[in-house]
Amino acid sequence: MSSLFDYQNAAHKDITIVEYRSDFLDTNTDHALIDVRTPFEFARGHLPGAINIPLNQLQFQADKVPTDKPVVFVCATGTRSADAAYAFANAGFDNVYNLAGGTMMWMMNGLPLDH
């Protein structure tokens, strides 16, 4: 049985903060925003509406990730969330996105965080 994190030739889409805002937030498009950082990082500030499923727990909590709407993964800089997006695209999920630049880029754009 293969693991969620067994990589093959999976493809996901990297989106910028501007694209995320225009494609999802400004249009009120229903989506899941999954923050794959640690609970400590998440508690220090996260994007509004994000739910926390740490990357090291993601394959055990994959049932919490919806299959009926787009999924945007985010982390601090976009590296861990890219791993998550690859894994879910590889597992057959459609409409999987990685928020390029992550929470750091969000803050650099002067956008608010929830605590």
N, C-alpha and C. Protein backbone atom coordinates (compact mmCIF):
# COMPACT_ATOMS: atom_id res chain seq x y z
N MET A 1 0.85 -1.19 0.00
CA MET A 1 0.00 0.00 0.00
C MET A 1 0.89 1.24 0.00
N SER A 2 0.61 2.15 -0.87
CA SER A 2 1.45 3.35 -0.95
C SER A 2 1.00 4.40 0.05
N SER A 3 1.95 5.18 0.46
CA SER A 3 1.70 6.26 1.41
C SER A 3 1.26 7.51 0.66
N LEU A 4 0.57 8.37 1.37
CA LEU A 4 0.17 9.65 0.79
C LEU A 4 1.39 10.42 0.30
N PHE A 5 2.54 10.21 0.95
CA PHE A 5 3.74 10.97 0.62
C PHE A 5 4.70 10.22 -0.28
N ASP A 6 4.26 9.16 -0.96
CA ASP A 6 5.05 8.51 -1.99
C ASP A 6 4.91 9.35 -3.25
N TYR A 7 6.00 10.02 -3.63
CA TYR A 7 5.93 10.95 -4.75
C TYR A 7 6.01 10.23 -6.09
N GLN A 8 5.20 10.68 -7.02
CA GLN A 8 5.31 10.22 -8.39
C GLN A 8 5.40 11.48 -9.24
N ASN A 9 4.65 11.53 -10.28
CA ASN A 9 4.71 12.68 -11.17
C ASN A 9 3.50 13.57 -10.95
N ALA A 10 3.25 13.92 -9.71
CA ALA A 10 2.06 14.69 -9.36
C ALA A 10 2.26 16.16 -9.70
N ALA A 11 1.15 16.81 -9.99
CA ALA A 11 1.20 18.24 -10.29
C ALA A 11 0.20 18.98 -9.41
N HIS A 12 0.64 20.08 -8.89
CA HIS A 12 -0.24 20.98 -8.16
C HIS A 12 0.00 22.36 -8.75
N LYS A 13 -0.76 23.31 -8.31
CA LYS A 13 -0.62 24.67 -8.81
C LYS A 13 -0.08 25.58 -7.70
N ASP A 14 0.99 26.29 -7.99
CA ASP A 14 1.46 27.33 -7.08
C ASP A 14 0.67 28.59 -7.41
N ILE A 15 0.16 29.26 -6.38
CA ILE A 15 -0.53 30.52 -6.60
C ILE A 15 0.09 31.58 -5.70
N THR A 16 0.10 32.79 -6.18
CA THR A 16 0.63 33.91 -5.41
C THR A 16 -0.44 34.43 -4.45
N ILE A 17 -0.03 35.30 -3.56
CA ILE A 17 -0.97 35.94 -2.65
C ILE A 17 -2.03 36.70 -3.45
N VAL A 18 -1.60 37.43 -4.47
CA VAL A 18 -2.53 38.20 -5.30
C VAL A 18 -3.54 37.27 -5.97
N GLU A 19 -3.07 36.16 -6.52
CA GLU A 19 -3.98 35.20 -7.17
C GLU A 19 -4.94 34.57 -6.16
N TYR A 20 -4.42 34.24 -4.98
CA TYR A 20 -5.28 33.65 -3.95
C TYR A 20 -6.39 34.62 -3.57
N ARG A 21 -6.03 35.88 -3.38
CA ARG A 21 -7.04 36.86 -3.00
C ARG A 21 -8.07 37.05 -4.11
N SER A 22 -7.60 37.19 -5.36
CA SER A 22 -8.55 37.45 -6.45
C SER A 22 -9.36 36.22 -6.84
N ASP A 23 -8.75 35.04 -6.80
CA ASP A 23 -9.44 33.82 -7.23
C ASP A 23 -10.31 33.19 -6.16
N PHE A 24 -9.98 33.41 -4.89
CA PHE A 24 -10.72 32.75 -3.82
C PHE A 24 -11.41 33.73 -2.87
N LEU A 25 -10.67 34.67 -2.34
CA LEU A 25 -11.25 35.56 -1.33
C LEU A 25 -12.20 36.59 -1.92
N ASP A 26 -11.74 37.31 -2.94
CA ASP A 26 -12.57 38.37 -3.52
C ASP A 26 -13.83 37.84 -4.17
N THR A 27 -13.80 36.59 -4.61
CA THR A 27 -14.96 35.99 -5.28
C THR A 27 -15.78 35.10 -4.34
N ASN A 28 -15.37 35.05 -3.06
CA ASN A 28 -16.03 34.19 -2.07
C ASN A 28 -16.14 32.74 -2.54
N THR A 29 -15.12 32.27 -3.22
CA THR A 29 -15.09 30.89 -3.70
C THR A 29 -14.87 29.94 -2.52
N ASP A 30 -15.77 28.97 -2.39
CA ASP A 30 -15.66 27.99 -1.32
C ASP A 30 -14.39 27.17 -1.51
N HIS A 31 -13.57 27.09 -0.49
CA HIS A 31 -12.32 26.33 -0.55
C HIS A 31 -11.88 25.99 0.87
N ALA A 32 -10.94 25.07 0.97
CA ALA A 32 -10.34 24.74 2.26
C ALA A 32 -8.94 25.32 2.28
N LEU A 33 -8.60 25.99 3.37
CA LEU A 33 -7.26 26.54 3.56
C LEU A 33 -6.61 25.75 4.69
N ILE A 34 -5.61 24.95 4.35
CA ILE A 34 -4.97 24.05 5.30
C ILE A 34 -3.57 24.56 5.60
N ASP A 35 -3.33 24.92 6.86
CA ASP A 35 -2.02 25.38 7.32
C ASP A 35 -1.27 24.18 7.86
N VAL A 36 -0.14 23.83 7.24
CA VAL A 36 0.59 22.63 7.61
C VAL A 36 1.75 22.90 8.57
N ARG A 37 1.78 24.08 9.16
CA ARG A 37 2.82 24.39 10.14
C ARG A 37 2.51 23.69 11.47
N THR A 38 3.45 23.79 12.39
CA THR A 38 3.25 23.19 13.71
C THR A 38 2.17 23.96 14.47
N PRO A 39 1.55 23.34 15.47
CA PRO A 39 0.56 24.05 16.27
C PRO A 39 1.12 25.33 16.90
N PHE A 40 2.38 25.31 17.32
CA PHE A 40 3.01 26.51 17.89
C PHE A 40 3.07 27.63 16.87
N GLU A 41 3.52 27.32 15.66
CA GLU A 41 3.58 28.33 14.60
C GLU A 41 2.18 28.86 14.29
N PHE A 42 1.23 27.96 14.18
CA PHE A 42 -0.14 28.32 13.86
C PHE A 42 -0.71 29.27 14.92
N ALA A 43 -0.45 28.98 16.19
CA ALA A 43 -0.97 29.81 17.29
C ALA A 43 -0.38 31.21 17.28
N ARG A 44 0.81 31.38 16.73
CA ARG A 44 1.45 32.69 16.68
C ARG A 44 0.83 33.60 15.62
N GLY A 45 0.02 33.03 14.75
CA GLY A 45 -0.66 33.80 13.72
C GLY A 45 -0.84 32.98 12.46
N HIS A 46 -2.06 33.01 11.92
CA HIS A 46 -2.37 32.24 10.72
C HIS A 46 -3.34 33.02 9.84
N LEU A 47 -3.42 32.62 8.59
CA LEU A 47 -4.34 33.27 7.68
C LEU A 47 -5.77 33.05 8.15
N PRO A 48 -6.61 34.06 8.02
CA PRO A 48 -8.02 33.92 8.42
C PRO A 48 -8.67 32.73 7.70
N GLY A 49 -9.37 31.93 8.47
CA GLY A 49 -10.09 30.79 7.92
C GLY A 49 -9.29 29.51 7.80
N ALA A 50 -8.00 29.57 8.12
CA ALA A 50 -7.16 28.37 7.99
C ALA A 50 -7.45 27.38 9.11
N ILE A 51 -7.32 26.10 8.76
CA ILE A 51 -7.34 25.06 9.79
C ILE A 51 -5.94 24.45 9.84
N ASN A 52 -5.53 24.03 11.01
CA ASN A 52 -4.18 23.53 11.21
C ASN A 52 -4.15 22.00 11.19
N ILE A 53 -3.44 21.48 10.21
CA ILE A 53 -3.11 20.06 10.17
C ILE A 53 -1.61 20.01 9.88
N PRO A 54 -0.78 19.82 10.91
CA PRO A 54 0.67 19.83 10.70
C PRO A 54 1.10 18.80 9.64
N LEU A 55 2.12 19.15 8.88
CA LEU A 55 2.58 18.29 7.80
C LEU A 55 2.87 16.88 8.28
N ASN A 56 3.47 16.75 9.47
CA ASN A 56 3.80 15.41 9.95
C ASN A 56 2.58 14.61 10.41
N GLN A 57 1.41 15.23 10.43
CA GLN A 57 0.16 14.55 10.78
C GLN A 57 -0.79 14.42 9.60
N LEU A 58 -0.43 15.03 8.49
CA LEU A 58 -1.36 15.15 7.37
C LEU A 58 -1.82 13.81 6.82
N GLN A 59 -0.92 12.86 6.68
CA GLN A 59 -1.35 11.58 6.12
C GLN A 59 -2.26 10.82 7.07
N PHE A 60 -2.17 11.12 8.37
CA PHE A 60 -3.04 10.47 9.36
C PHE A 60 -4.38 11.18 9.51
N GLN A 61 -4.43 12.43 9.04
CA GLN A 61 -5.65 13.22 9.15
C GLN A 61 -6.17 13.63 7.77
N ALA A 62 -5.81 12.87 6.77
CA ALA A 62 -6.21 13.20 5.39
C ALA A 62 -7.72 13.26 5.23
N ASP A 63 -8.45 12.56 6.09
CA ASP A 63 -9.91 12.57 6.00
C ASP A 63 -10.49 13.93 6.36
N LYS A 64 -9.69 14.81 6.96
CA LYS A 64 -10.16 16.16 7.30
C LYS A 64 -10.04 17.12 6.11
N VAL A 65 -9.38 16.67 5.06
CA VAL A 65 -9.21 17.51 3.87
C VAL A 65 -10.35 17.20 2.91
N PRO A 66 -11.17 18.20 2.60
CA PRO A 66 -12.33 17.96 1.74
C PRO A 66 -11.93 17.58 0.31
N THR A 67 -12.75 16.77 -0.31
CA THR A 67 -12.51 16.36 -1.69
C THR A 67 -13.45 17.04 -2.67
N ASP A 68 -14.40 17.81 -2.15
CA ASP A 68 -15.44 18.40 -2.99
C ASP A 68 -15.24 19.88 -3.28
N LYS A 69 -14.08 20.42 -2.94
CA LYS A 69 -13.80 21.83 -3.21
C LYS A 69 -12.29 22.03 -3.30
N PRO A 70 -11.85 23.15 -3.86
CA PRO A 70 -10.42 23.40 -3.94
C PRO A 70 -9.77 23.42 -2.56
N VAL A 71 -8.52 22.97 -2.52
CA VAL A 71 -7.74 22.95 -1.29
C VAL A 71 -6.48 23.78 -1.51
N VAL A 72 -6.26 24.75 -0.62
CA VAL A 72 -5.06 25.58 -0.67
C VAL A 72 -4.24 25.25 0.57
N PHE A 73 -2.99 24.83 0.35
CA PHE A 73 -2.09 24.54 1.45
C PHE A 73 -1.18 25.74 1.67
N VAL A 74 -0.90 26.03 2.94
CA VAL A 74 -0.03 27.15 3.30
C VAL A 74 0.87 26.73 4.44
N CYS A 75 2.06 27.33 4.49
CA CYS A 75 2.99 27.14 5.61
C CYS A 75 3.69 28.48 5.83
N ALA A 76 4.87 28.47 6.37
CA ALA A 76 5.58 29.73 6.63
C ALA A 76 6.08 30.37 5.33
N THR A 77 6.69 29.56 4.45
CA THR A 77 7.31 30.11 3.25
C THR A 77 6.86 29.47 1.95
N GLY A 78 6.10 28.41 2.02
CA GLY A 78 5.64 27.72 0.82
C GLY A 78 6.34 26.40 0.55
N THR A 79 7.30 26.03 1.37
CA THR A 79 8.04 24.79 1.15
C THR A 79 7.28 23.57 1.65
N ARG A 80 6.88 23.59 2.91
CA ARG A 80 6.11 22.46 3.46
C ARG A 80 4.76 22.33 2.78
N SER A 81 4.14 23.46 2.48
CA SER A 81 2.84 23.40 1.81
C SER A 81 2.97 22.85 0.39
N ALA A 82 4.11 23.09 -0.27
CA ALA A 82 4.34 22.49 -1.59
C ALA A 82 4.42 20.97 -1.46
N ASP A 83 5.08 20.48 -0.40
CA ASP A 83 5.14 19.04 -0.16
C ASP A 83 3.73 18.47 0.02
N ALA A 84 2.92 19.17 0.79
CA ALA A 84 1.54 18.72 1.02
C ALA A 84 0.74 18.73 -0.28
N ALA A 85 0.88 19.79 -1.06
CA ALA A 85 0.15 19.89 -2.32
C ALA A 85 0.56 18.78 -3.28
N TYR A 86 1.86 18.51 -3.37
CA TYR A 86 2.33 17.41 -4.22
C TYR A 86 1.73 16.09 -3.77
N ALA A 87 1.74 15.85 -2.46
CA ALA A 87 1.22 14.59 -1.93
C ALA A 87 -0.25 14.41 -2.26
N PHE A 88 -1.03 15.45 -2.10
CA PHE A 88 -2.47 15.34 -2.36
C PHE A 88 -2.77 15.25 -3.85
N ALA A 89 -2.02 15.97 -4.67
CA ALA A 89 -2.19 15.84 -6.11
C ALA A 89 -1.83 14.42 -6.55
N ASN A 90 -0.76 13.88 -5.97
CA ASN A 90 -0.33 12.52 -6.27
C ASN A 90 -1.38 11.49 -5.85
N ALA A 91 -2.11 11.79 -4.79
CA ALA A 91 -3.14 10.88 -4.29
C ALA A 91 -4.45 11.00 -5.09
N GLY A 92 -4.46 11.86 -6.10
CA GLY A 92 -5.63 11.96 -6.96
C GLY A 92 -6.54 13.13 -6.69
N PHE A 93 -6.17 14.01 -5.77
CA PHE A 93 -6.99 15.19 -5.50
C PHE A 93 -6.88 16.17 -6.66
N ASP A 94 -8.00 16.76 -7.04
CA ASP A 94 -8.02 17.82 -8.05
C ASP A 94 -8.07 19.16 -7.34
N ASN A 95 -7.74 20.22 -8.04
CA ASN A 95 -7.84 21.57 -7.48
C ASN A 95 -7.04 21.74 -6.20
N VAL A 96 -5.77 21.34 -6.26
CA VAL A 96 -4.86 21.46 -5.12
C VAL A 96 -3.88 22.59 -5.42
N TYR A 97 -3.72 23.48 -4.44
CA TYR A 97 -2.88 24.66 -4.62
C TYR A 97 -1.89 24.80 -3.48
N ASN A 98 -0.74 25.38 -3.80
CA ASN A 98 0.26 25.77 -2.82
C ASN A 98 0.34 27.28 -2.82
N LEU A 99 0.19 27.89 -1.65
CA LEU A 99 0.28 29.35 -1.55
C LEU A 99 1.75 29.74 -1.50
N ALA A 100 2.27 30.18 -2.63
CA ALA A 100 3.68 30.53 -2.75
C ALA A 100 4.04 31.67 -1.80
N GLY A 101 5.13 31.50 -1.10
CA GLY A 101 5.58 32.53 -0.16
C GLY A 101 4.98 32.39 1.22
N GLY A 102 3.89 31.66 1.32
CA GLY A 102 3.29 31.33 2.61
C GLY A 102 2.90 32.51 3.47
N THR A 103 2.87 32.23 4.76
CA THR A 103 2.46 33.23 5.75
C THR A 103 3.39 34.44 5.76
N MET A 104 4.68 34.19 5.51
CA MET A 104 5.63 35.31 5.49
C MET A 104 5.28 36.31 4.39
N MET A 105 4.97 35.82 3.20
CA MET A 105 4.61 36.71 2.09
C MET A 105 3.28 37.40 2.39
N TRP A 106 2.36 36.70 3.03
CA TRP A 106 1.08 37.28 3.43
C TRP A 106 1.32 38.50 4.31
N MET A 107 2.19 38.32 5.32
CA MET A 107 2.50 39.43 6.24
C MET A 107 3.26 40.54 5.52
N MET A 108 4.17 40.18 4.62
CA MET A 108 4.93 41.19 3.88
C MET A 108 4.02 42.06 3.02
N ASN A 109 2.86 41.53 2.65
CA ASN A 109 1.88 42.30 1.89
C ASN A 109 0.95 43.10 2.79
N GLY A 110 1.24 43.09 4.10
CA GLY A 110 0.46 43.88 5.05
C GLY A 110 -0.91 43.32 5.36
N LEU A 111 -1.10 42.03 5.12
CA LEU A 111 -2.41 41.41 5.34
C LEU A 111 -2.51 40.86 6.75
N PRO A 112 -3.72 40.83 7.30
CA PRO A 112 -3.89 40.47 8.71
C PRO A 112 -3.80 38.96 8.96
N LEU A 113 -3.40 38.64 10.17
CA LEU A 113 -3.39 37.26 10.64
C LEU A 113 -4.39 37.12 11.78
N ASP A 114 -4.95 35.93 11.92
CA ASP A 114 -5.77 35.60 13.08
C ASP A 114 -4.87 34.95 14.12
N HIS A 115 -5.26 35.10 15.38
CA HIS A 115 -4.49 34.48 16.47
C HIS A 115 -5.39 33.62 17.31
